[in-house]
Amino acid sequence: MKDRFYKRRRPVRRALIILAVVILLCALLFVILFFALQRYIIHTPDGVRLDIPALRSMLPPIPEVVE
């Protein structure tokens, strides 16, 4: 009886391990992208904006900051 129960739980454990690995990879990717794109973050009076040079033609123009 104990062997049957253990064999049934094995796929659940594998699924949880795979889910944990996927979540950790997503978190790592988010942190890497955050630090890689940090130089393109611009603070404007309207809020925070992401200005990526390759995407400038698709986004509306960024207003100049008046101090």
PDB file of N, CA and C in Angstrom:
ATOM      1  N   MET A   1       0.820  -1.187   0.000  1.00  0.00           N
ATOM      2  CA  MET A   1       0.000   0.000   0.000  1.00  0.00           C
ATOM      3  C   MET A   1       0.877   1.269   0.000  1.00  0.00           C
ATOM      4  N   LYS A   2       1.959   1.232   0.776  1.00  0.00           N
ATOM      5  CA  LYS A   2       2.826   2.393   0.851  1.00  0.00           C
ATOM      6  C   LYS A   2       3.493   2.685  -0.499  1.00  0.00           C
ATOM      7  N   ASP A   3       3.886   1.637  -1.230  1.00  0.00           N
ATOM      8  CA  ASP A   3       4.512   1.826  -2.536  1.00  0.00           C
ATOM      9  C   ASP A   3       3.558   2.472  -3.525  1.00  0.00           C
ATOM     10  N   ARG A   4       2.302   2.065  -3.523  1.00  0.00           N
ATOM     11  CA  ARG A   4       1.331   2.650  -4.449  1.00  0.00           C
ATOM     12  C   ARG A   4       1.149   4.139  -4.180  1.00  0.00           C
ATOM     13  N   PHE A   5       1.070   4.510  -2.936  1.00  0.00           N
ATOM     14  CA  PHE A   5       0.896   5.919  -2.581  1.00  0.00           C
ATOM     15  C   PHE A   5       2.112   6.736  -3.022  1.00  0.00           C
ATOM     16  N   TYR A   6       3.305   6.213  -2.793  1.00  0.00           N
ATOM     17  CA  TYR A   6       4.521   6.928  -3.157  1.00  0.00           C
ATOM     18  C   TYR A   6       4.619   7.095  -4.669  1.00  0.00           C
ATOM     19  N   LYS A   7       4.271   6.072  -5.414  1.00  0.00           N
ATOM     20  CA  LYS A   7       4.350   6.166  -6.871  1.00  0.00           C
ATOM     21  C   LYS A   7       3.360   7.188  -7.416  1.00  0.00           C
ATOM     22  N   ARG A   8       2.221   7.327  -6.772  1.00  0.00           N
ATOM     23  CA  ARG A   8       1.247   8.308  -7.241  1.00  0.00           C
ATOM     24  C   ARG A   8       1.707   9.725  -6.958  1.00  0.00           C
ATOM     25  N   ARG A   9       2.490   9.944  -5.934  1.00  0.00           N
ATOM     26  CA  ARG A   9       2.920  11.291  -5.569  1.00  0.00           C
ATOM     27  C   ARG A   9       4.119  11.762  -6.389  1.00  0.00           C
ATOM     28  N   ARG A  10       4.809  10.843  -7.029  1.00  0.00           N
ATOM     29  CA  ARG A  10       6.011  11.209  -7.772  1.00  0.00           C
ATOM     30  C   ARG A  10       5.725  12.216  -8.897  1.00  0.00           C
ATOM     31  N   PRO A  11       4.703  12.063  -9.717  1.00  0.00           N
ATOM     32  CA  PRO A  11       4.448  13.070 -10.761  1.00  0.00           C
ATOM     33  C   PRO A  11       4.108  14.446 -10.194  1.00  0.00           C
ATOM     34  N   VAL A  12       3.470  14.497  -9.051  1.00  0.00           N
ATOM     35  CA  VAL A  12       3.160  15.789  -8.433  1.00  0.00           C
ATOM     36  C   VAL A  12       4.453  16.481  -8.019  1.00  0.00           C
ATOM     37  N   ARG A  13       5.370  15.727  -7.473  1.00  0.00           N
ATOM     38  CA  ARG A  13       6.651  16.304  -7.067  1.00  0.00           C
ATOM     39  C   ARG A  13       7.419  16.817  -8.275  1.00  0.00           C
ATOM     40  N   ARG A  14       7.426  16.065  -9.346  1.00  0.00           N
ATOM     41  CA  ARG A  14       8.111  16.522 -10.574  1.00  0.00           C
ATOM     42  C   ARG A  14       7.467  17.791 -11.107  1.00  0.00           C
ATOM     43  N   ALA A  15       6.141  17.834 -11.098  1.00  0.00           N
ATOM     44  CA  ALA A  15       5.438  19.023 -11.593  1.00  0.00           C
ATOM     45  C   ALA A  15       5.757  20.232 -10.725  1.00  0.00           C
ATOM     46  N   LEU A  16       5.838  20.055  -9.426  1.00  0.00           N
ATOM     47  CA  LEU A  16       6.179  21.166  -8.539  1.00  0.00           C
ATOM     48  C   LEU A  16       7.611  21.636  -8.747  1.00  0.00           C
ATOM     49  N   ILE A  17       8.518  20.715  -9.002  1.00  0.00           N
ATOM     50  CA  ILE A  17       9.904  21.097  -9.264  1.00  0.00           C
ATOM     51  C   ILE A  17       9.995  21.877 -10.576  1.00  0.00           C
ATOM     52  N   ILE A  18       9.310  21.405 -11.598  1.00  0.00           N
ATOM     53  CA  ILE A  18       9.313  22.108 -12.889  1.00  0.00           C
ATOM     54  C   ILE A  18       8.692  23.487 -12.741  1.00  0.00           C
ATOM     55  N   LEU A  19       7.594  23.585 -12.002  1.00  0.00           N
ATOM     56  CA  LEU A  19       6.947  24.878 -11.772  1.00  0.00           C
ATOM     57  C   LEU A  19       7.878  25.827 -11.017  1.00  0.00           C
ATOM     58  N   ALA A  20       8.587  25.325 -10.030  1.00  0.00           N
ATOM     59  CA  ALA A  20       9.526  26.155  -9.270  1.00  0.00           C
ATOM     60  C   ALA A  20      10.657  26.648 -10.162  1.00  0.00           C
ATOM     61  N   VAL A  21      11.171  25.792 -11.026  1.00  0.00           N
ATOM     62  CA  VAL A  21      12.246  26.192 -11.937  1.00  0.00           C
ATOM     63  C   VAL A  21      11.756  27.257 -12.911  1.00  0.00           C
ATOM     64  N   VAL A  22      10.551  27.102 -13.423  1.00  0.00           N
ATOM     65  CA  VAL A  22       9.993  28.092 -14.355  1.00  0.00           C
ATOM     66  C   VAL A  22       9.808  29.438 -13.653  1.00  0.00           C
ATOM     67  N   ILE A  23       9.309  29.420 -12.431  1.00  0.00           N
ATOM     68  CA  ILE A  23       9.126  30.664 -11.679  1.00  0.00           C
ATOM     69  C   ILE A  23      10.471  31.327 -11.396  1.00  0.00           C
ATOM     70  N   LEU A  24      11.469  30.545 -11.019  1.00  0.00           N
ATOM     71  CA  LEU A  24      12.801  31.114 -10.766  1.00  0.00           C
ATOM     72  C   LEU A  24      13.415  31.700 -12.034  1.00  0.00           C
ATOM     73  N   LEU A  25      13.235  31.033 -13.165  1.00  0.00           N
ATOM     74  CA  LEU A  25      13.758  31.564 -14.431  1.00  0.00           C
ATOM     75  C   LEU A  25      13.058  32.863 -14.816  1.00  0.00           C
ATOM     76  N   CYS A  26      11.759  32.936 -14.611  1.00  0.00           N
ATOM     77  CA  CYS A  26      11.027  34.173 -14.909  1.00  0.00           C
ATOM     78  C   CYS A  26      11.491  35.314 -14.012  1.00  0.00           C
ATOM     79  N   ALA A  27      11.705  35.036 -12.746  1.00  0.00           N
ATOM     80  CA  ALA A  27      12.192  36.064 -11.828  1.00  0.00           C
ATOM     81  C   ALA A  27      13.592  36.525 -12.225  1.00  0.00           C
ATOM     82  N   LEU A  28      14.448  35.593 -12.584  1.00  0.00           N
ATOM     83  CA  LEU A  28      15.799  35.938 -13.018  1.00  0.00           C
ATOM     84  C   LEU A  28      15.776  36.771 -14.297  1.00  0.00           C
ATOM     85  N   LEU A  29      14.930  36.411 -15.241  1.00  0.00           N
ATOM     86  CA  LEU A  29      14.795  37.170 -16.480  1.00  0.00           C
ATOM     87  C   LEU A  29      14.293  38.585 -16.207  1.00  0.00           C
ATOM     88  N   PHE A  30      13.329  38.719 -15.285  1.00  0.00           N
ATOM     89  CA  PHE A  30      12.816  40.039 -14.925  1.00  0.00           C
ATOM     90  C   PHE A  30      13.916  40.911 -14.332  1.00  0.00           C
ATOM     91  N   VAL A  31      14.724  40.356 -13.437  1.00  0.00           N
ATOM     92  CA  VAL A  31      15.802  41.124 -12.810  1.00  0.00           C
ATOM     93  C   VAL A  31      16.850  41.528 -13.845  1.00  0.00           C
ATOM     94  N   ILE A  32      17.200  40.614 -14.731  1.00  0.00           N
ATOM     95  CA  ILE A  32      18.184  40.923 -15.779  1.00  0.00           C
ATOM     96  C   ILE A  32      17.661  42.016 -16.703  1.00  0.00           C
ATOM     97  N   LEU A  33      16.405  41.909 -17.124  1.00  0.00           N
ATOM     98  CA  LEU A  33      15.830  42.942 -17.999  1.00  0.00           C
ATOM     99  C   LEU A  33      15.725  44.280 -17.286  1.00  0.00           C
ATOM    100  N   PHE A  34      15.380  44.263 -16.002  1.00  0.00           N
ATOM    101  CA  PHE A  34      15.278  45.512 -15.257  1.00  0.00           C
ATOM    102  C   PHE A  34      16.611  46.248 -15.244  1.00  0.00           C
ATOM    103  N   PHE A  35      17.693  45.535 -14.935  1.00  0.00           N
ATOM    104  CA  PHE A  35      18.994  46.192 -14.878  1.00  0.00           C
ATOM    105  C   PHE A  35      19.528  46.525 -16.270  1.00  0.00           C
ATOM    106  N   ALA A  36      19.196  45.736 -17.273  1.00  0.00           N
ATOM    107  CA  ALA A  36      19.659  46.018 -18.631  1.00  0.00           C
ATOM    108  C   ALA A  36      18.944  47.239 -19.215  1.00  0.00           C
ATOM    109  N   LEU A  37      17.677  47.409 -18.890  1.00  0.00           N
ATOM    110  CA  LEU A  37      16.902  48.522 -19.445  1.00  0.00           C
ATOM    111  C   LEU A  37      16.888  49.747 -18.535  1.00  0.00           C
ATOM    112  N   GLN A  38      17.615  49.714 -17.439  1.00  0.00           N
ATOM    113  CA  GLN A  38      17.589  50.811 -16.487  1.00  0.00           C
ATOM    114  C   GLN A  38      18.106  52.116 -17.095  1.00  0.00           C
ATOM    115  N   ARG A  39      19.042  52.041 -18.012  1.00  0.00           N
ATOM    116  CA  ARG A  39      19.575  53.269 -18.619  1.00  0.00           C
ATOM    117  C   ARG A  39      18.561  53.939 -19.541  1.00  0.00           C
ATOM    118  N   TYR A  40      17.530  53.215 -19.957  1.00  0.00           N
ATOM    119  CA  TYR A  40      16.520  53.773 -20.846  1.00  0.00           C
ATOM    120  C   TYR A  40      15.292  54.286 -20.104  1.00  0.00           C
ATOM    121  N   ILE A  41      15.281  54.201 -18.777  1.00  0.00           N
ATOM    122  CA  ILE A  41      14.154  54.706 -17.996  1.00  0.00           C
ATOM    123  C   ILE A  41      14.310  56.213 -17.842  1.00  0.00           C
ATOM    124  N   ILE A  42      13.259  56.953 -18.223  1.00  0.00           N
ATOM    125  CA  ILE A  42      13.283  58.409 -18.169  1.00  0.00           C
ATOM    126  C   ILE A  42      12.141  58.871 -17.276  1.00  0.00           C
ATOM    127  N   HIS A  43      12.465  59.766 -16.352  1.00  0.00           N
ATOM    128  CA  HIS A  43      11.451  60.330 -15.461  1.00  0.00           C
ATOM    129  C   HIS A  43      10.978  61.653 -16.049  1.00  0.00           C
ATOM    130  N   THR A  44       9.683  61.762 -16.339  1.00  0.00           N
ATOM    131  CA  THR A  44       9.094  62.981 -16.883  1.00  0.00           C
ATOM    132  C   THR A  44       8.041  63.483 -15.901  1.00  0.00           C
ATOM    133  N   PRO A  45       7.559  64.705 -16.097  1.00  0.00           N
ATOM    134  CA  PRO A  45       6.485  65.201 -15.219  1.00  0.00           C
ATOM    135  C   PRO A  45       5.212  64.337 -15.315  1.00  0.00           C
ATOM    136  N   ASP A  46       5.027  63.667 -16.436  1.00  0.00           N
ATOM    137  CA  ASP A  46       3.853  62.809 -16.611  1.00  0.00           C
ATOM    138  C   ASP A  46       4.038  61.436 -15.991  1.00  0.00           C
ATOM    139  N   GLY A  47       5.252  61.104 -15.568  1.00  0.00           N
ATOM    140  CA  GLY A  47       5.512  59.806 -14.961  1.00  0.00           C
ATOM    141  C   GLY A  47       6.788  59.187 -15.512  1.00  0.00           C
ATOM    142  N   VAL A  48       6.942  57.928 -15.269  1.00  0.00           N
ATOM    143  CA  VAL A  48       8.124  57.202 -15.722  1.00  0.00           C
ATOM    144  C   VAL A  48       7.869  56.668 -17.126  1.00  0.00           C
ATOM    145  N   ARG A  49       8.895  56.740 -17.964  1.00  0.00           N
ATOM    146  CA  ARG A  49       8.758  56.317 -19.353  1.00  0.00           C
ATOM    147  C   ARG A  49       9.970  55.493 -19.760  1.00  0.00           C
ATOM    148  N   LEU A  50       9.763  54.529 -20.599  1.00  0.00           N
ATOM    149  CA  LEU A  50      10.840  53.693 -21.113  1.00  0.00           C
ATOM    150  C   LEU A  50      11.142  54.135 -22.534  1.00  0.00           C
ATOM    151  N   ASP A  51      12.356  54.641 -22.761  1.00  0.00           N
ATOM    152  CA  ASP A  51      12.748  55.163 -24.075  1.00  0.00           C
ATOM    153  C   ASP A  51      13.829  54.270 -24.671  1.00  0.00           C
ATOM    154  N   ILE A  52      13.410  53.312 -25.483  1.00  0.00           N
ATOM    155  CA  ILE A  52      14.342  52.409 -26.154  1.00  0.00           C
ATOM    156  C   ILE A  52      14.570  52.947 -27.564  1.00  0.00           C
ATOM    157  N   PRO A  53      15.823  53.192 -27.943  1.00  0.00           N
ATOM    158  CA  PRO A  53      16.097  53.805 -29.245  1.00  0.00           C
ATOM    159  C   PRO A  53      15.491  53.043 -30.428  1.00  0.00           C
ATOM    160  N   ALA A  54      15.488  51.740 -30.395  1.00  0.00           N
ATOM    161  CA  ALA A  54      14.952  50.961 -31.519  1.00  0.00           C
ATOM    162  C   ALA A  54      13.442  51.100 -31.645  1.00  0.00           C
ATOM    163  N   LEU A  55      12.775  51.502 -30.575  1.00  0.00           N
ATOM    164  CA  LEU A  55      11.310  51.613 -30.596  1.00  0.00           C
ATOM    165  C   LEU A  55      10.820  53.052 -30.688  1.00  0.00           C
ATOM    166  N   ARG A  56      11.713  54.006 -30.868  1.00  0.00           N
ATOM    167  CA  ARG A  56      11.318  55.424 -30.893  1.00  0.00           C
ATOM    168  C   ARG A  56      10.315  55.741 -31.996  1.00  0.00           C
ATOM    169  N   SER A  57      10.409  55.091 -33.122  1.00  0.00           N
ATOM    170  CA  SER A  57       9.496  55.402 -34.225  1.00  0.00           C
ATOM    171  C   SER A  57       8.076  54.923 -33.941  1.00  0.00           C
ATOM    172  N   MET A  58       7.922  53.952 -33.052  1.00  0.00           N
ATOM    173  CA  MET A  58       6.589  53.421 -32.761  1.00  0.00           C
ATOM    174  C   MET A  58       5.918  54.118 -31.577  1.00  0.00           C
ATOM    175  N   LEU A  59       6.673  54.851 -30.759  1.00  0.00           N
ATOM    176  CA  LEU A  59       6.136  55.495 -29.581  1.00  0.00           C
ATOM    177  C   LEU A  59       5.929  56.986 -29.816  1.00  0.00           C
ATOM    178  N   PRO A  60       4.997  57.618 -29.082  1.00  0.00           N
ATOM    179  CA  PRO A  60       4.840  59.078 -29.218  1.00  0.00           C
ATOM    180  C   PRO A  60       6.082  59.793 -28.705  1.00  0.00           C
ATOM    181  N   PRO A  61       6.331  61.006 -29.175  1.00  0.00           N
ATOM    182  CA  PRO A  61       7.551  61.720 -28.777  1.00  0.00           C
ATOM    183  C   PRO A  61       7.551  62.040 -27.273  1.00  0.00           C
ATOM    184  N   ILE A  62       8.746  62.112 -26.717  1.00  0.00           N
ATOM    185  CA  ILE A  62       8.902  62.391 -25.290  1.00  0.00           C
ATOM    186  C   ILE A  62       8.967  63.901 -25.098  1.00  0.00           C
ATOM    187  N   PRO A  63       8.124  64.457 -24.205  1.00  0.00           N
ATOM    188  CA  PRO A  63       8.179  65.905 -23.983  1.00  0.00           C
ATOM    189  C   PRO A  63       9.478  66.289 -23.265  1.00  0.00           C
ATOM    190  N   GLU A  64       9.967  67.491 -23.577  1.00  0.00           N
ATOM    191  CA  GLU A  64      11.187  67.975 -22.934  1.00  0.00           C
ATOM    192  C   GLU A  64      10.879  68.371 -21.508  1.00  0.00           C
ATOM    193  N   VAL A  65      11.827  68.133 -20.605  1.00  0.00           N
ATOM    194  CA  VAL A  65      11.653  68.471 -19.201  1.00  0.00           C
ATOM    195  C   VAL A  65      12.034  69.935 -19.015  1.00  0.00           C
ATOM    196  N   VAL A  66      11.105  70.722 -18.466  1.00  0.00           N
ATOM    197  CA  VAL A  66      11.355  72.149 -18.213  1.00  0.00           C
ATOM    198  C   VAL A  66      11.591  72.307 -16.715  1.00  0.00           C
ATOM    199  N   GLU A  67      12.750  72.841 -16.367  1.00  0.00           N
ATOM    200  CA  GLU A  67      13.078  73.014 -14.945  1.00  0.00           C
ATOM    201  C   GLU A  67      13.025  74.455 -14.550  1.00  0.00           C
TER     202      GLU A  67
END
